[in-house]
C-alpha atoms as a PDB file:
ATOM      1  CA  MET A   1     158.225  -6.856 126.170  1.00  0.00           C
ATOM      2  CA  SER A   2     157.258  -9.894 124.165  1.00  0.00           C
ATOM      3  CA  GLU A   3     159.569 -12.808 123.414  1.00  0.00           C
ATOM      4  CA  GLY A   4     159.936 -11.891 119.730  1.00  0.00           C
ATOM      5  CA  SER A   5     160.514  -8.176 120.193  1.00  0.00           C
ATOM      6  CA  GLU A   6     163.839  -6.533 119.497  1.00  0.00           C
ATOM      7  CA  LEU A   7     166.053  -5.723 122.462  1.00  0.00           C
ATOM      8  CA  VAL A   8     167.656  -2.296 122.469  1.00  0.00           C
ATOM      9  CA  LEU A   9     169.807  -1.492 125.474  1.00  0.00           C
ATOM     10  CA  ASP A  10     169.665   2.071 126.806  1.00  0.00           C
ATOM     11  CA  ARG A  11     173.225   3.348 126.261  1.00  0.00           C
ATOM     12  CA  LEU A  12     172.810   6.129 128.823  1.00  0.00           C
ATOM     13  CA  ILE A  13     172.037   3.551 131.507  1.00  0.00           C
ATOM     14  CA  HIS A  14     174.218   0.700 130.218  1.00  0.00           C
ATOM     15  CA  GLU A  15     177.490   2.631 130.541  1.00  0.00           C
ATOM     16  CA  PRO A  16     179.235   0.769 133.408  1.00  0.00           C
ATOM     17  CA  ALA A  17     179.737   3.691 135.811  1.00  0.00           C
ATOM     18  CA  ARG A  18     176.185   4.969 135.342  1.00  0.00           C
ATOM     19  CA  LEU A  19     174.780   1.457 135.663  1.00  0.00           C
ATOM     20  CA  ALA A  20     176.633   1.116 138.981  1.00  0.00           C
ATOM     21  CA  ILE A  21     175.273   4.471 140.191  1.00  0.00           C
ATOM     22  CA  LEU A  22     171.707   3.671 139.147  1.00  0.00           C
ATOM     23  CA  THR A  23     171.874   0.169 140.630  1.00  0.00           C
ATOM     24  CA  MET A  24     172.986   1.615 143.974  1.00  0.00           C
ATOM     25  CA  LEU A  25     170.240   4.249 143.845  1.00  0.00           C
ATOM     26  CA  SER A  26     167.587   1.658 143.004  1.00  0.00           C
ATOM     27  CA  SER A  27     168.165  -0.020 146.358  1.00  0.00           C
ATOM     28  CA  VAL A  28     167.859   3.114 148.541  1.00  0.00           C
ATOM     29  CA  ALA A  29     165.507   6.092 148.827  1.00  0.00           C
ATOM     30  CA  THR A  30     168.375   8.608 148.621  1.00  0.00           C
ATOM     31  CA  ALA A  31     172.146   8.435 148.763  1.00  0.00           C
ATOM     32  CA  ASP A  32     174.715  11.071 149.507  1.00  0.00           C
ATOM     33  CA  PHE A  33     177.624  11.805 147.216  1.00  0.00           C
ATOM     34  CA  VAL A  34     180.231  10.206 149.514  1.00  0.00           C
ATOM     35  CA  PHE A  35     178.214   6.961 149.740  1.00  0.00           C
ATOM     36  CA  LEU A  36     177.947   6.786 145.933  1.00  0.00           C
ATOM     37  CA  GLN A  37     181.627   7.573 145.528  1.00  0.00           C
ATOM     38  CA  ARG A  38     182.689   4.856 147.964  1.00  0.00           C
ATOM     39  CA  SER A  39     180.250   2.239 146.686  1.00  0.00           C
ATOM     40  CA  THR A  40     181.086   2.756 143.001  1.00  0.00           C
ATOM     41  CA  GLY A  41     184.805   3.473 143.333  1.00  0.00           C
ATOM     42  CA  LEU A  42     184.525   6.538 141.081  1.00  0.00           C
ATOM     43  CA  THR A  43     186.569   9.689 141.575  1.00  0.00           C
ATOM     44  CA  GLN A  44     184.776  12.877 142.651  1.00  0.00           C
ATOM     45  CA  GLY A  45     185.037  14.389 139.173  1.00  0.00           C
ATOM     46  CA  ASN A  46     183.952  11.223 137.388  1.00  0.00           C
ATOM     47  CA  LEU A  47     180.958  10.713 139.699  1.00  0.00           C
ATOM     48  CA  SER A  48     179.968  14.360 139.377  1.00  0.00           C
ATOM     49  CA  SER A  49     180.114  14.157 135.571  1.00  0.00           C
ATOM     50  CA  HIS A  50     177.962  11.015 135.433  1.00  0.00           C
ATOM     51  CA  LEU A  51     175.444  12.435 137.903  1.00  0.00           C
ATOM     52  CA  THR A  52     175.124  15.569 135.759  1.00  0.00           C
ATOM     53  CA  LYS A  53     174.354  13.455 132.678  1.00  0.00           C
ATOM     54  CA  LEU A  54     171.792  11.419 134.626  1.00  0.00           C
ATOM     55  CA  GLU A  55     170.188  14.584 136.037  1.00  0.00           C
ATOM     56  CA  GLU A  56     169.997  16.200 132.581  1.00  0.00           C
ATOM     57  CA  ALA A  57     168.238  13.063 131.311  1.00  0.00           C
ATOM     58  CA  GLY A  58     165.721  13.272 134.167  1.00  0.00           C
ATOM     59  CA  LEU A  59     166.784   9.982 135.746  1.00  0.00           C
ATOM     60  CA  VAL A  60     168.032  11.378 139.059  1.00  0.00           C
ATOM     61  CA  ARG A  61     167.229  14.329 141.302  1.00  0.00           C
ATOM     62  CA  ILE A  62     170.169  16.068 142.985  1.00  0.00           C
ATOM     63  CA  GLU A  63     169.672  18.183 146.078  1.00  0.00           C
ATOM     64  CA  LYS A  64     172.521  20.232 147.515  1.00  0.00           C
ATOM     65  CA  SER A  65     172.397  21.562 151.047  1.00  0.00           C
ATOM     66  CA  PHE A  66     174.585  22.228 154.045  1.00  0.00           C
ATOM     67  CA  VAL A  67     174.832  20.097 157.155  1.00  0.00           C
ATOM     68  CA  GLY A  68     176.267  22.570 159.623  1.00  0.00           C
ATOM     69  CA  LYS A  69     178.912  24.301 157.533  1.00  0.00           C
ATOM     70  CA  ARG A  70     179.647  21.292 155.330  1.00  0.00           C
ATOM     71  CA  PRO A  71     178.129  20.871 151.865  1.00  0.00           C
ATOM     72  CA  ASN A  72     175.977  17.775 151.399  1.00  0.00           C
ATOM     73  CA  THR A  73     174.766  16.383 148.069  1.00  0.00           C
ATOM     74  CA  ASN A  74     171.895  13.887 148.059  1.00  0.00           C
ATOM     75  CA  VAL A  75     170.835  11.944 144.992  1.00  0.00           C
ATOM     76  CA  ALA A  76     167.615  10.004 144.341  1.00  0.00           C
ATOM     77  CA  LEU A  77     166.068   8.248 141.373  1.00  0.00           C
ATOM     78  CA  THR A  78     163.130  10.041 139.794  1.00  0.00           C
ATOM     79  CA  SER A  79     160.018   8.070 138.853  1.00  0.00           C
ATOM     80  CA  THR A  80     161.249   8.151 135.248  1.00  0.00           C
ATOM     81  CA  GLY A  81     164.637   6.893 136.422  1.00  0.00           C
ATOM     82  CA  LYS A  82     163.036   4.024 138.343  1.00  0.00           C
ATOM     83  CA  LYS A  83     161.029   2.977 135.282  1.00  0.00           C
ATOM     84  CA  ARG A  84     163.992   3.165 132.898  1.00  0.00           C
ATOM     85  CA  VAL A  85     166.307   1.251 135.245  1.00  0.00           C
ATOM     86  CA  ALA A  86     163.656  -1.447 135.749  1.00  0.00           C
ATOM     87  CA  SER A  87     163.130  -1.644 131.988  1.00  0.00           C
ATOM     88  CA  HIS A  88     166.877  -1.931 131.421  1.00  0.00           C
ATOM     89  CA  TRP A  89     167.181  -4.820 133.892  1.00  0.00           C
ATOM     90  CA  ASP A  90     164.136  -6.486 132.266  1.00  0.00           C
ATOM     91  CA  GLN A  91     165.863  -6.268 128.886  1.00  0.00           C
ATOM     92  CA  LEU A  92     169.053  -7.756 130.300  1.00  0.00           C
ATOM     93  CA  ASP A  93     167.010 -10.597 131.839  1.00  0.00           C
ATOM     94  CA  GLN A  94     165.297 -11.124 128.477  1.00  0.00           C
ATOM     95  CA  LEU A  95     168.699 -11.246 126.778  1.00  0.00           C
ATOM     96  CA  LYS A  96     169.912 -13.783 129.330  1.00  0.00           C
ATOM     97  CA  ARG A  97     166.858 -16.002 128.711  1.00  0.00           C
ATOM     98  CA  ARG A  98     167.317 -15.782 124.930  1.00  0.00           C
ATOM     99  CA  ALA A  99     171.003 -16.628 125.203  1.00  0.00           C
ATOM    100  CA  ALA A 100     170.210 -19.611 127.452  1.00  0.00           C
ATOM    101  CA  ALA A 101     167.577 -20.819 124.982  1.00  0.00           C
ATOM    102  CA  LEU A 102     170.031 -20.547 122.096  1.00  0.00           C
ATOM    103  CA  ALA A 103     172.785 -22.254 124.084  1.00  0.00           C
ATOM    104  CA  SER A 104     170.516 -25.181 124.868  1.00  0.00           C
ATOM    105  CA  ASP A 105     169.701 -25.666 121.154  1.00  0.00           C
ATOM    106  CA  PRO A 106     172.064 -28.398 119.873  1.00  0.00           C
ATOM    107  CA  GLU A 107     172.079 -26.892 116.386  1.00  0.00           C
ATOM    108  CA  VAL A 108     173.623 -23.630 117.554  1.00  0.00           C
ATOM    109  CA  ALA A 109     177.406 -23.568 117.841  1.00  0.00           C
ATOM    110  CA  ILE A 110     178.277 -20.822 120.276  1.00  0.00           C
ATOM    111  CA  GLY A 111     180.537 -18.231 118.666  1.00  0.00           C
ATOM    112  CA  GLU A 112     180.599 -19.970 115.300  1.00  0.00           C
ATOM    113  CA  GLN A 113     177.290 -19.108 113.693  1.00  0.00           C
ATOM    114  CA  ILE A 114     175.378 -15.894 113.133  1.00  0.00           C
ATOM    115  CA  THR A 115     171.810 -15.136 112.220  1.00  0.00           C
ATOM    116  CA  ASP A 116     171.257 -13.543 108.836  1.00  0.00           C
ATOM    117  CA  PRO A 117     169.035 -10.488 109.507  1.00  0.00           C
ATOM    118  CA  GLN A 118     167.113 -10.859 106.214  1.00  0.00           C
ATOM    119  CA  SER A 119     166.450 -14.592 106.121  1.00  0.00           C
ATOM    120  CA  GLY A 120     166.610 -15.348 109.834  1.00  0.00           C
ATOM    121  CA  GLU A 121     168.708 -18.412 109.046  1.00  0.00           C
ATOM    122  CA  LEU A 122     171.847 -19.393 110.895  1.00  0.00           C
ATOM    123  CA  GLY A 123     175.044 -19.394 108.905  1.00  0.00           C
ATOM    124  CA  GLN A 124     178.782 -18.878 109.033  1.00  0.00           C
ATOM    125  CA  PRO A 125     180.160 -15.327 109.117  1.00  0.00           C
ATOM    126  CA  GLN A 126     181.299 -14.223 105.682  1.00  0.00           C
ATOM    127  CA  PRO A 127     184.773 -12.692 105.398  1.00  0.00           C
ATOM    128  CA  GLY A 128     184.756  -9.033 104.379  1.00  0.00           C
ATOM    129  CA  VAL A 129     181.085  -8.516 105.268  1.00  0.00           C
ATOM    130  CA  GLU A 130     180.640  -5.875 107.942  1.00  0.00           C
ATOM    131  CA  GLU A 131     177.887  -5.957 110.532  1.00  0.00           C
ATOM    132  CA  GLN A 132     175.011  -3.693 109.536  1.00  0.00           C
ATOM    133  CA  GLY A 133     172.257  -2.076 111.540  1.00  0.00           C
ATOM    134  CA  ASP A 134     172.086  -0.478 114.929  1.00  0.00           C
ATOM    135  CA  ARG A 135     175.074  -1.497 117.055  1.00  0.00           C
ATOM    136  CA  ASN A 136     172.857  -1.325 120.158  1.00  0.00           C
ATOM    137  CA  SER A 137     170.345  -3.752 118.713  1.00  0.00           C
ATOM    138  CA  ILE A 138     170.398  -7.333 119.836  1.00  0.00           C
ATOM    139  CA  SER A 139     167.817  -8.502 117.345  1.00  0.00           C
ATOM    140  CA  SER A 140     170.020 -11.348 116.115  1.00  0.00           C
ATOM    141  CA  LEU A 141     169.182 -13.189 119.320  1.00  0.00           C
ATOM    142  CA  ALA A 142     165.447 -12.864 118.751  1.00  0.00           C
ATOM    143  CA  PRO A 143     163.737 -16.199 118.091  1.00  0.00           C
ATOM    144  CA  ARG A 144     162.696 -16.569 114.465  1.00  0.00           C
END
């Protein structure tokens, strides 16, 4: 991703519970359901629901088996999942660098000015004017 490109966060990954699950999975080869539940603090139903969404998107692989007579669910990132998680963290790092660059610019008043998407100029928010464009887009932080 180049410095001037638009940042678009992956909403499937960026949801806090799923981001926690994927972050845990990115540090291990596989994880069982109980480990993920304990490390994320999610309930069984909530974790199961998020894992289903991630599996349907092709980000994780779920394998169910029995250890003795007890059911065991193991989860691992797929290669697609690894790439998308890495890309998501890269975008967050890019956002952090852009924010730091803007914060270090003495002409930018944090929280007081916005970038006009058409002109690229900084200005004061106008009352009654709603934000337009993709809500997931962070293009207003892109250097002009």
